[in-house]
């Protein structure tokens, strides 16, 4: 298991380069490191790590479009329901 010193050193290195390397690049690097650290230590605190990296509040990764399934009925073995099908007919 890695020590707190390692987490702090990595965060300080990322924070040092946010201005020159760019926030997006540092974010991706921090995500990858955080994934590794979390696999190494189940008590690893992502929020605290991102704050130490200087990218606080930027750690929520958006889901790629393929994870957003507008037609979930097809996976359930049913076809898509027409719009308004759930409304009561007069």
C-alpha atoms as a PDB file:
ATOM      1  CA  UNK A   1       0.000   0.000   0.000  1.00  0.00           C
ATOM      2  CA  UNK A   2       1.271   3.439  -0.898  1.00  0.00           C
ATOM      3  CA  UNK A   3       1.818   6.029   1.804  1.00  0.00           C
ATOM      4  CA  UNK A   4       0.208   9.417   2.300  1.00  0.00           C
ATOM      5  CA  UNK A   5       3.536  10.973   1.274  1.00  0.00           C
ATOM      6  CA  UNK A   6       3.216   9.416  -2.180  1.00  0.00           C
ATOM      7  CA  UNK A   7      -0.341  10.750  -2.617  1.00  0.00           C
ATOM      8  CA  UNK A   8       0.711  14.214  -1.482  1.00  0.00           C
ATOM      9  CA  UNK A   9       3.807  14.251  -3.718  1.00  0.00           C
ATOM     10  CA  UNK A  10       1.814  13.221  -6.792  1.00  0.00           C
ATOM     11  CA  UNK A  11      -0.853  15.839  -6.065  1.00  0.00           C
ATOM     12  CA  UNK A  12       1.807  18.553  -5.637  1.00  0.00           C
ATOM     13  CA  UNK A  13       3.399  17.614  -8.969  1.00  0.00           C
ATOM     14  CA  UNK A  14       0.042  17.803 -10.768  1.00  0.00           C
ATOM     15  CA  UNK A  15      -0.815  21.114  -9.081  1.00  0.00           C
ATOM     16  CA  UNK A  16       2.517  22.562 -10.186  1.00  0.00           C
ATOM     17  CA  UNK A  17       1.705  21.831 -13.843  1.00  0.00           C
ATOM     18  CA  UNK A  18      -1.989  22.798 -14.060  1.00  0.00           C
ATOM     19  CA  UNK A  19      -1.195  26.264 -15.437  1.00  0.00           C
ATOM     20  CA  UNK A  20       1.303  25.116 -18.072  1.00  0.00           C
ATOM     21  CA  UNK A  21       0.008  21.672 -19.101  1.00  0.00           C
ATOM     22  CA  UNK A  22      -3.645  22.632 -18.968  1.00  0.00           C
ATOM     23  CA  UNK A  23      -6.483  21.775 -16.669  1.00  0.00           C
ATOM     24  CA  UNK A  24      -7.930  19.042 -18.890  1.00  0.00           C
ATOM     25  CA  UNK A  25      -4.627  17.171 -19.190  1.00  0.00           C
ATOM     26  CA  UNK A  26      -4.004  17.391 -15.443  1.00  0.00           C
ATOM     27  CA  UNK A  27      -7.564  16.252 -14.809  1.00  0.00           C
ATOM     28  CA  UNK A  28      -7.078  13.135 -16.955  1.00  0.00           C
ATOM     29  CA  UNK A  29      -3.764  12.403 -15.257  1.00  0.00           C
ATOM     30  CA  UNK A  30      -5.329  12.855 -11.811  1.00  0.00           C
ATOM     31  CA  UNK A  31      -8.231  10.558 -12.766  1.00  0.00           C
ATOM     32  CA  UNK A  32      -5.825   7.806 -13.804  1.00  0.00           C
ATOM     33  CA  UNK A  33      -3.730   8.181 -10.673  1.00  0.00           C
ATOM     34  CA  UNK A  34      -6.834   8.322  -8.463  1.00  0.00           C
ATOM     35  CA  UNK A  35      -8.123   5.096 -10.039  1.00  0.00           C
ATOM     36  CA  UNK A  36      -4.803   3.415  -9.272  1.00  0.00           C
ATOM     37  CA  UNK A  37      -4.633   4.810  -5.741  1.00  0.00           C
ATOM     38  CA  UNK A  38      -8.222   3.724  -5.042  1.00  0.00           C
ATOM     39  CA  UNK A  39      -7.437   0.187  -6.213  1.00  0.00           C
ATOM     40  CA  UNK A  40      -4.430   0.169  -3.895  1.00  0.00           C
ATOM     41  CA  UNK A  41      -6.230   1.681  -0.908  1.00  0.00           C
ATOM     42  CA  UNK A  42     -10.022   1.323  -0.448  1.00  0.00           C
ATOM     43  CA  UNK A  43     -10.003   4.308   1.949  1.00  0.00           C
ATOM     44  CA  UNK A  44      -8.440   6.619  -0.650  1.00  0.00           C
ATOM     45  CA  UNK A  45     -10.316   9.958  -0.728  1.00  0.00           C
ATOM     46  CA  UNK A  46     -10.715  11.172  -4.323  1.00  0.00           C
ATOM     47  CA  UNK A  47     -12.184  14.526  -3.381  1.00  0.00           C
ATOM     48  CA  UNK A  48      -9.284  15.314  -1.106  1.00  0.00           C
ATOM     49  CA  UNK A  49      -6.795  14.226  -3.770  1.00  0.00           C
ATOM     50  CA  UNK A  50      -8.381  16.405  -6.463  1.00  0.00           C
ATOM     51  CA  UNK A  51      -8.444  19.359  -4.113  1.00  0.00           C
ATOM     52  CA  UNK A  52      -4.723  18.838  -3.420  1.00  0.00           C
ATOM     53  CA  UNK A  53      -4.118  18.644  -7.204  1.00  0.00           C
ATOM     54  CA  UNK A  54      -5.633  22.094  -7.674  1.00  0.00           C
ATOM     55  CA  UNK A  55      -8.538  20.831  -9.752  1.00  0.00           C
ATOM     56  CA  UNK A  56     -11.092  20.878  -6.963  1.00  0.00           C
ATOM     57  CA  UNK A  57     -14.682  20.566  -8.137  1.00  0.00           C
ATOM     58  CA  UNK A  58     -13.604  19.238 -11.517  1.00  0.00           C
ATOM     59  CA  UNK A  59     -13.445  15.550 -10.644  1.00  0.00           C
ATOM     60  CA  UNK A  60     -16.859  14.394 -11.783  1.00  0.00           C
ATOM     61  CA  UNK A  61     -16.214  12.577 -15.032  1.00  0.00           C
ATOM     62  CA  UNK A  62     -19.031  12.960 -17.579  1.00  0.00           C
ATOM     63  CA  UNK A  63     -20.380   9.703 -18.968  1.00  0.00           C
ATOM     64  CA  UNK A  64     -19.695   8.967 -22.621  1.00  0.00           C
ATOM     65  CA  UNK A  65     -22.773   8.925 -24.829  1.00  0.00           C
ATOM     66  CA  UNK A  66     -22.817   5.114 -25.163  1.00  0.00           C
ATOM     67  CA  UNK A  67     -23.776   4.862 -21.475  1.00  0.00           C
ATOM     68  CA  UNK A  68     -26.875   6.963 -21.981  1.00  0.00           C
ATOM     69  CA  UNK A  69     -29.483   4.552 -23.292  1.00  0.00           C
ATOM     70  CA  UNK A  70     -32.609   6.302 -24.503  1.00  0.00           C
ATOM     71  CA  UNK A  71     -34.168   3.013 -25.639  1.00  0.00           C
ATOM     72  CA  UNK A  72     -33.841   0.848 -22.535  1.00  0.00           C
ATOM     73  CA  UNK A  73     -36.988  -1.106 -23.478  1.00  0.00           C
ATOM     74  CA  UNK A  74     -35.150  -2.878 -26.296  1.00  0.00           C
ATOM     75  CA  UNK A  75     -32.781  -4.375 -23.722  1.00  0.00           C
ATOM     76  CA  UNK A  76     -35.772  -5.591 -21.755  1.00  0.00           C
ATOM     77  CA  UNK A  77     -37.050  -7.532 -24.778  1.00  0.00           C
ATOM     78  CA  UNK A  78     -39.694  -4.962 -25.652  1.00  0.00           C
ATOM     79  CA  UNK A  79     -39.804  -2.438 -28.415  1.00  0.00           C
ATOM     80  CA  UNK A  80     -39.885   1.282 -27.773  1.00  0.00           C
ATOM     81  CA  UNK A  81     -43.150   2.606 -26.442  1.00  0.00           C
ATOM     82  CA  UNK A  82     -44.747   5.373 -28.478  1.00  0.00           C
ATOM     83  CA  UNK A  83     -44.754   8.828 -26.936  1.00  0.00           C
ATOM     84  CA  UNK A  84     -47.852   9.267 -24.829  1.00  0.00           C
ATOM     85  CA  UNK A  85     -48.536   5.527 -24.556  1.00  0.00           C
ATOM     86  CA  UNK A  86     -48.695   5.856 -20.788  1.00  0.00           C
ATOM     87  CA  UNK A  87     -51.442   8.511 -20.970  1.00  0.00           C
ATOM     88  CA  UNK A  88     -55.027   7.481 -20.391  1.00  0.00           C
ATOM     89  CA  UNK A  89     -57.105   7.519 -23.570  1.00  0.00           C
ATOM     90  CA  UNK A  90     -60.629   9.042 -23.404  1.00  0.00           C
END
